[in-house]
Amino acid sequence: MRPWITNARMYAVTPEVEALWRGLLEHIAADAGVALDYVPHPAPQPLEELWSRGDLGAVFMCGYPIALRLAPVTPIAAPIPHVDWAAHRAVYRSECSCADTRSRSGSRR
């Protein structure tokens, strides 16, 4: 059987940040006594390809594909937001912010 893989692509916004996440994943694997091989999956490759791999051991993944059952994964850890609406549960929620495009003079088009 081939080894399990790991990847930090979801939050690897720069090569430097990826190196930090990779180091964390390697530390976690070593601490758990689990062999994981880091496999790069750089953009623009689709994240869905990474998340649907049969040899997926550990990746950073947002809750959206899990909530919609788009990726055949079993979450083993999830952050619990420290806000009232989460009610001490690991729940997925997105919030979007939009720029105010109205004129500063108060006129609207």
N, C-alpha and C. Protein backbone atom coordinates (compact mmCIF):
# COMPACT_ATOMS: atom_id res chain seq x y z
N MET A 1 0.84 -1.18 0.00
CA MET A 1 0.00 0.00 0.00
C MET A 1 0.88 1.24 0.00
N ARG A 2 0.52 2.21 -0.78
CA ARG A 2 1.30 3.44 -0.79
C ARG A 2 1.00 4.26 0.47
N PRO A 3 1.92 5.14 0.82
CA PRO A 3 1.73 5.92 2.06
C PRO A 3 0.61 6.95 1.92
N TRP A 4 0.12 7.39 3.05
CA TRP A 4 -0.88 8.44 3.08
C TRP A 4 -0.21 9.76 2.74
N ILE A 5 -0.97 10.67 2.14
CA ILE A 5 -0.41 11.97 1.78
C ILE A 5 -0.99 13.06 2.67
N THR A 6 -0.30 14.18 2.66
CA THR A 6 -0.76 15.36 3.38
C THR A 6 -0.52 16.58 2.50
N ASN A 7 -1.28 17.65 2.74
CA ASN A 7 -1.15 18.85 1.94
C ASN A 7 -1.80 20.02 2.66
N ALA A 8 -1.26 21.22 2.44
CA ALA A 8 -1.77 22.43 3.08
C ALA A 8 -2.32 23.44 2.08
N ARG A 9 -2.63 23.02 0.89
CA ARG A 9 -2.99 23.93 -0.20
C ARG A 9 -4.11 24.90 0.15
N MET A 10 -5.10 24.48 0.89
CA MET A 10 -6.25 25.35 1.18
C MET A 10 -5.82 26.68 1.77
N TYR A 11 -4.80 26.66 2.61
CA TYR A 11 -4.36 27.88 3.27
C TYR A 11 -2.93 28.27 2.92
N ALA A 12 -2.36 27.64 1.92
CA ALA A 12 -0.98 27.94 1.50
C ALA A 12 -0.99 29.08 0.50
N VAL A 13 -1.13 30.29 1.00
CA VAL A 13 -1.30 31.44 0.12
C VAL A 13 0.00 31.91 -0.53
N THR A 14 1.12 31.54 0.03
CA THR A 14 2.43 31.84 -0.56
C THR A 14 3.33 30.64 -0.28
N PRO A 15 4.44 30.51 -0.99
CA PRO A 15 5.37 29.42 -0.69
C PRO A 15 5.87 29.45 0.76
N GLU A 16 6.07 30.64 1.30
CA GLU A 16 6.54 30.76 2.68
C GLU A 16 5.49 30.26 3.67
N VAL A 17 4.24 30.60 3.42
CA VAL A 17 3.16 30.14 4.28
C VAL A 17 2.98 28.62 4.14
N GLU A 18 3.10 28.12 2.92
CA GLU A 18 3.00 26.67 2.71
C GLU A 18 4.06 25.94 3.51
N ALA A 19 5.27 26.49 3.55
CA ALA A 19 6.35 25.85 4.32
C ALA A 19 6.00 25.78 5.80
N LEU A 20 5.37 26.81 6.32
CA LEU A 20 4.95 26.79 7.73
C LEU A 20 3.88 25.73 7.98
N TRP A 21 2.86 25.70 7.13
CA TRP A 21 1.80 24.69 7.27
C TRP A 21 2.36 23.28 7.10
N ARG A 22 3.27 23.13 6.14
CA ARG A 22 3.88 21.81 5.92
C ARG A 22 4.62 21.36 7.17
N GLY A 23 5.37 22.28 7.76
CA GLY A 23 6.07 21.97 9.00
C GLY A 23 5.13 21.54 10.12
N LEU A 24 4.00 22.23 10.23
CA LEU A 24 3.01 21.86 11.24
C LEU A 24 2.46 20.47 10.98
N LEU A 25 2.09 20.18 9.73
CA LEU A 25 1.57 18.85 9.39
C LEU A 25 2.60 17.76 9.64
N GLU A 26 3.87 18.03 9.33
CA GLU A 26 4.93 17.05 9.58
C GLU A 26 5.11 16.83 11.08
N HIS A 27 5.01 17.88 11.87
CA HIS A 27 5.11 17.75 13.33
C HIS A 27 3.95 16.92 13.89
N ILE A 28 2.74 17.20 13.40
CA ILE A 28 1.57 16.46 13.86
C ILE A 28 1.70 14.98 13.51
N ALA A 29 2.13 14.68 12.29
CA ALA A 29 2.30 13.29 11.86
C ALA A 29 3.35 12.58 12.71
N ALA A 30 4.47 13.26 12.96
CA ALA A 30 5.52 12.65 13.78
C ALA A 30 5.03 12.42 15.21
N ASP A 31 4.32 13.39 15.76
CA ASP A 31 3.80 13.26 17.12
C ASP A 31 2.79 12.13 17.23
N ALA A 32 2.02 11.92 16.16
CA ALA A 32 1.01 10.86 16.14
C ALA A 32 1.60 9.51 15.76
N GLY A 33 2.84 9.51 15.27
CA GLY A 33 3.46 8.26 14.83
C GLY A 33 2.86 7.73 13.55
N VAL A 34 2.42 8.63 12.68
CA VAL A 34 1.79 8.26 11.42
C VAL A 34 2.67 8.75 10.27
N ALA A 35 2.96 7.88 9.33
CA ALA A 35 3.76 8.27 8.17
C ALA A 35 2.88 8.98 7.15
N LEU A 36 3.20 10.22 6.86
CA LEU A 36 2.49 11.01 5.87
C LEU A 36 3.50 11.65 4.94
N ASP A 37 3.28 11.55 3.64
CA ASP A 37 4.15 12.19 2.65
C ASP A 37 3.49 13.46 2.17
N TYR A 38 4.21 14.58 2.26
CA TYR A 38 3.68 15.84 1.76
C TYR A 38 3.75 15.83 0.24
N VAL A 39 2.60 16.04 -0.40
CA VAL A 39 2.52 16.06 -1.85
C VAL A 39 2.04 17.44 -2.28
N PRO A 40 2.86 18.19 -3.02
CA PRO A 40 2.41 19.51 -3.48
C PRO A 40 1.21 19.40 -4.42
N HIS A 41 0.34 20.37 -4.36
CA HIS A 41 -0.83 20.44 -5.24
C HIS A 41 -1.07 21.92 -5.53
N PRO A 42 -0.15 22.55 -6.28
CA PRO A 42 -0.22 24.00 -6.47
C PRO A 42 -1.39 24.44 -7.34
N ALA A 43 -1.80 25.69 -7.11
CA ALA A 43 -2.80 26.30 -7.99
C ALA A 43 -2.19 26.40 -9.38
N PRO A 44 -2.98 26.29 -10.40
CA PRO A 44 -4.44 26.31 -10.44
C PRO A 44 -5.09 24.93 -10.42
N GLN A 45 -4.38 23.90 -9.99
CA GLN A 45 -5.00 22.58 -9.92
C GLN A 45 -6.22 22.64 -9.00
N PRO A 46 -7.31 22.02 -9.39
CA PRO A 46 -8.53 22.08 -8.56
C PRO A 46 -8.35 21.39 -7.22
N LEU A 47 -8.84 22.03 -6.18
CA LEU A 47 -8.79 21.43 -4.84
C LEU A 47 -9.59 20.13 -4.78
N GLU A 48 -10.64 20.04 -5.59
CA GLU A 48 -11.46 18.83 -5.59
C GLU A 48 -10.64 17.60 -5.95
N GLU A 49 -9.65 17.77 -6.84
CA GLU A 49 -8.77 16.64 -7.19
C GLU A 49 -7.99 16.17 -5.97
N LEU A 50 -7.49 17.10 -5.20
CA LEU A 50 -6.75 16.76 -3.99
C LEU A 50 -7.66 16.09 -2.97
N TRP A 51 -8.80 16.69 -2.71
CA TRP A 51 -9.70 16.20 -1.68
C TRP A 51 -10.35 14.87 -2.00
N SER A 52 -10.35 14.47 -3.26
CA SER A 52 -10.99 13.20 -3.61
C SER A 52 -9.99 12.05 -3.74
N ARG A 53 -8.74 12.29 -3.44
CA ARG A 53 -7.72 11.24 -3.54
C ARG A 53 -7.99 10.12 -2.53
N GLY A 54 -7.78 8.90 -2.94
CA GLY A 54 -7.98 7.76 -2.05
C GLY A 54 -6.89 7.59 -1.01
N ASP A 55 -5.75 8.25 -1.20
CA ASP A 55 -4.64 8.13 -0.25
C ASP A 55 -4.50 9.36 0.63
N LEU A 56 -5.57 10.13 0.75
CA LEU A 56 -5.55 11.35 1.52
C LEU A 56 -5.46 11.03 3.01
N GLY A 57 -4.40 11.53 3.63
CA GLY A 57 -4.21 11.29 5.06
C GLY A 57 -4.61 12.49 5.90
N ALA A 58 -4.10 13.67 5.53
CA ALA A 58 -4.42 14.88 6.29
C ALA A 58 -4.25 16.10 5.39
N VAL A 59 -5.27 16.91 5.34
CA VAL A 59 -5.21 18.17 4.59
C VAL A 59 -5.97 19.22 5.38
N PHE A 60 -5.66 20.46 5.06
CA PHE A 60 -6.48 21.55 5.55
C PHE A 60 -7.60 21.72 4.54
N MET A 61 -8.81 21.79 5.05
CA MET A 61 -9.98 21.84 4.18
C MET A 61 -11.05 22.68 4.87
N CYS A 62 -11.71 23.53 4.12
CA CYS A 62 -12.81 24.27 4.71
C CYS A 62 -14.03 23.35 4.82
N GLY A 63 -15.02 23.81 5.53
CA GLY A 63 -16.20 22.98 5.76
C GLY A 63 -17.17 22.89 4.60
N TYR A 64 -17.03 23.79 3.62
CA TYR A 64 -17.99 23.82 2.51
C TYR A 64 -18.12 22.49 1.77
N PRO A 65 -17.01 21.89 1.28
CA PRO A 65 -17.17 20.62 0.56
C PRO A 65 -17.63 19.48 1.47
N ILE A 66 -17.35 19.58 2.74
CA ILE A 66 -17.81 18.55 3.68
C ILE A 66 -19.32 18.71 3.89
N ALA A 67 -19.75 19.95 4.11
CA ALA A 67 -21.17 20.20 4.34
C ALA A 67 -22.03 19.79 3.15
N LEU A 68 -21.50 19.99 1.95
CA LEU A 68 -22.25 19.64 0.75
C LEU A 68 -21.95 18.22 0.25
N ARG A 69 -21.13 17.50 0.99
CA ARG A 69 -20.73 16.13 0.63
C ARG A 69 -20.09 16.07 -0.75
N LEU A 70 -19.25 17.07 -1.05
CA LEU A 70 -18.54 17.11 -2.33
C LEU A 70 -17.23 16.35 -2.29
N ALA A 71 -16.76 16.02 -1.11
CA ALA A 71 -15.49 15.32 -0.97
C ALA A 71 -15.70 14.12 -0.04
N PRO A 72 -15.25 12.94 -0.46
CA PRO A 72 -15.45 11.74 0.35
C PRO A 72 -14.43 11.65 1.49
N VAL A 73 -14.55 12.56 2.46
CA VAL A 73 -13.61 12.59 3.58
C VAL A 73 -14.35 12.42 4.90
N THR A 74 -13.60 12.03 5.90
CA THR A 74 -14.11 11.95 7.26
C THR A 74 -13.33 12.94 8.10
N PRO A 75 -13.95 14.03 8.51
CA PRO A 75 -13.21 14.99 9.32
C PRO A 75 -12.82 14.38 10.66
N ILE A 76 -11.59 14.63 11.08
CA ILE A 76 -11.14 14.13 12.38
C ILE A 76 -10.91 15.26 13.37
N ALA A 77 -10.87 16.48 12.88
CA ALA A 77 -10.73 17.64 13.75
C ALA A 77 -11.35 18.83 13.04
N ALA A 78 -11.98 19.67 13.82
CA ALA A 78 -12.58 20.88 13.27
C ALA A 78 -12.53 21.96 14.34
N PRO A 79 -12.26 23.18 13.93
CA PRO A 79 -12.24 24.26 14.92
C PRO A 79 -13.64 24.56 15.42
N ILE A 80 -13.71 24.95 16.67
CA ILE A 80 -14.96 25.38 17.27
C ILE A 80 -14.88 26.89 17.44
N PRO A 81 -15.66 27.64 16.67
CA PRO A 81 -15.60 29.10 16.77
C PRO A 81 -15.97 29.57 18.18
N HIS A 82 -15.27 30.55 18.67
CA HIS A 82 -15.52 31.10 20.00
C HIS A 82 -16.49 32.28 19.89
N VAL A 83 -17.68 31.99 19.40
CA VAL A 83 -18.73 32.99 19.25
C VAL A 83 -20.05 32.37 19.68
N ASP A 84 -20.97 33.21 20.10
CA ASP A 84 -22.25 32.70 20.61
C ASP A 84 -23.02 31.85 19.61
N TRP A 85 -23.03 32.27 18.32
CA TRP A 85 -23.85 31.55 17.35
C TRP A 85 -23.38 30.11 17.13
N ALA A 86 -22.14 29.79 17.47
CA ALA A 86 -21.63 28.43 17.28
C ALA A 86 -22.11 27.48 18.37
N ALA A 87 -22.51 28.02 19.51
CA ALA A 87 -23.03 27.20 20.62
C ALA A 87 -22.10 26.05 20.98
N HIS A 88 -20.78 26.33 21.00
CA HIS A 88 -19.76 25.34 21.38
C HIS A 88 -19.74 24.13 20.44
N ARG A 89 -20.09 24.35 19.16
CA ARG A 89 -20.08 23.28 18.16
C ARG A 89 -19.14 23.65 17.02
N ALA A 90 -18.61 22.65 16.34
CA ALA A 90 -17.81 22.87 15.13
C ALA A 90 -18.78 23.02 13.97
N VAL A 91 -19.11 24.25 13.64
CA VAL A 91 -20.08 24.51 12.59
C VAL A 91 -19.42 25.34 11.49
N TYR A 92 -19.94 25.18 10.28
CA TYR A 92 -19.39 25.90 9.13
C TYR A 92 -20.27 27.11 8.83
N ARG A 93 -19.62 28.23 8.58
CA ARG A 93 -20.35 29.44 8.23
C ARG A 93 -19.42 30.36 7.45
N SER A 94 -19.95 30.98 6.42
CA SER A 94 -19.18 31.95 5.64
C SER A 94 -19.81 33.32 5.82
N GLU A 95 -18.96 34.31 5.88
CA GLU A 95 -19.44 35.68 5.91
C GLU A 95 -18.72 36.42 4.80
N CYS A 96 -19.43 37.26 4.11
CA CYS A 96 -18.84 38.03 3.02
C CYS A 96 -18.93 39.51 3.34
N SER A 97 -17.90 40.22 2.96
CA SER A 97 -17.88 41.67 3.10
C SER A 97 -17.79 42.27 1.72
N CYS A 98 -18.49 43.36 1.53
CA CYS A 98 -18.46 44.05 0.24
C CYS A 98 -18.05 45.50 0.45
N ALA A 99 -17.32 46.01 -0.49
CA ALA A 99 -16.91 47.41 -0.43
C ALA A 99 -18.10 48.31 -0.67
N ASP A 100 -18.10 49.44 -0.02
CA ASP A 100 -19.13 50.45 -0.24
C ASP A 100 -18.74 51.24 -1.47
N THR A 101 -19.49 51.08 -2.53
CA THR A 101 -19.14 51.74 -3.80
C THR A 101 -19.90 53.04 -4.00
N ARG A 102 -20.63 53.48 -2.98
CA ARG A 102 -21.35 54.75 -3.09
C ARG A 102 -20.36 55.90 -3.03
N SER A 103 -20.73 56.96 -3.65
CA SER A 103 -19.90 58.17 -3.65
C SER A 103 -19.82 58.74 -2.25
N ARG A 104 -18.68 59.27 -1.90
CA ARG A 104 -18.50 59.88 -0.58
C ARG A 104 -19.35 61.14 -0.41
N SER A 105 -19.74 61.78 -1.50
CA SER A 105 -20.55 63.00 -1.41
C SER A 105 -22.00 62.72 -1.05
N GLY A 106 -22.36 61.47 -1.00
CA GLY A 106 -23.71 61.10 -0.61
C GLY A 106 -24.64 60.84 -1.78
N SER A 107 -24.22 61.19 -2.99
CA SER A 107 -25.09 60.93 -4.14
C SER A 107 -24.97 59.48 -4.54
N ARG A 108 -26.06 58.93 -4.99
CA ARG A 108 -26.07 57.53 -5.43
C ARG A 108 -26.48 57.49 -6.88
N ARG A 109 -25.92 56.53 -7.57
CA ARG A 109 -26.27 56.39 -8.99
C ARG A 109 -27.10 55.18 -9.20
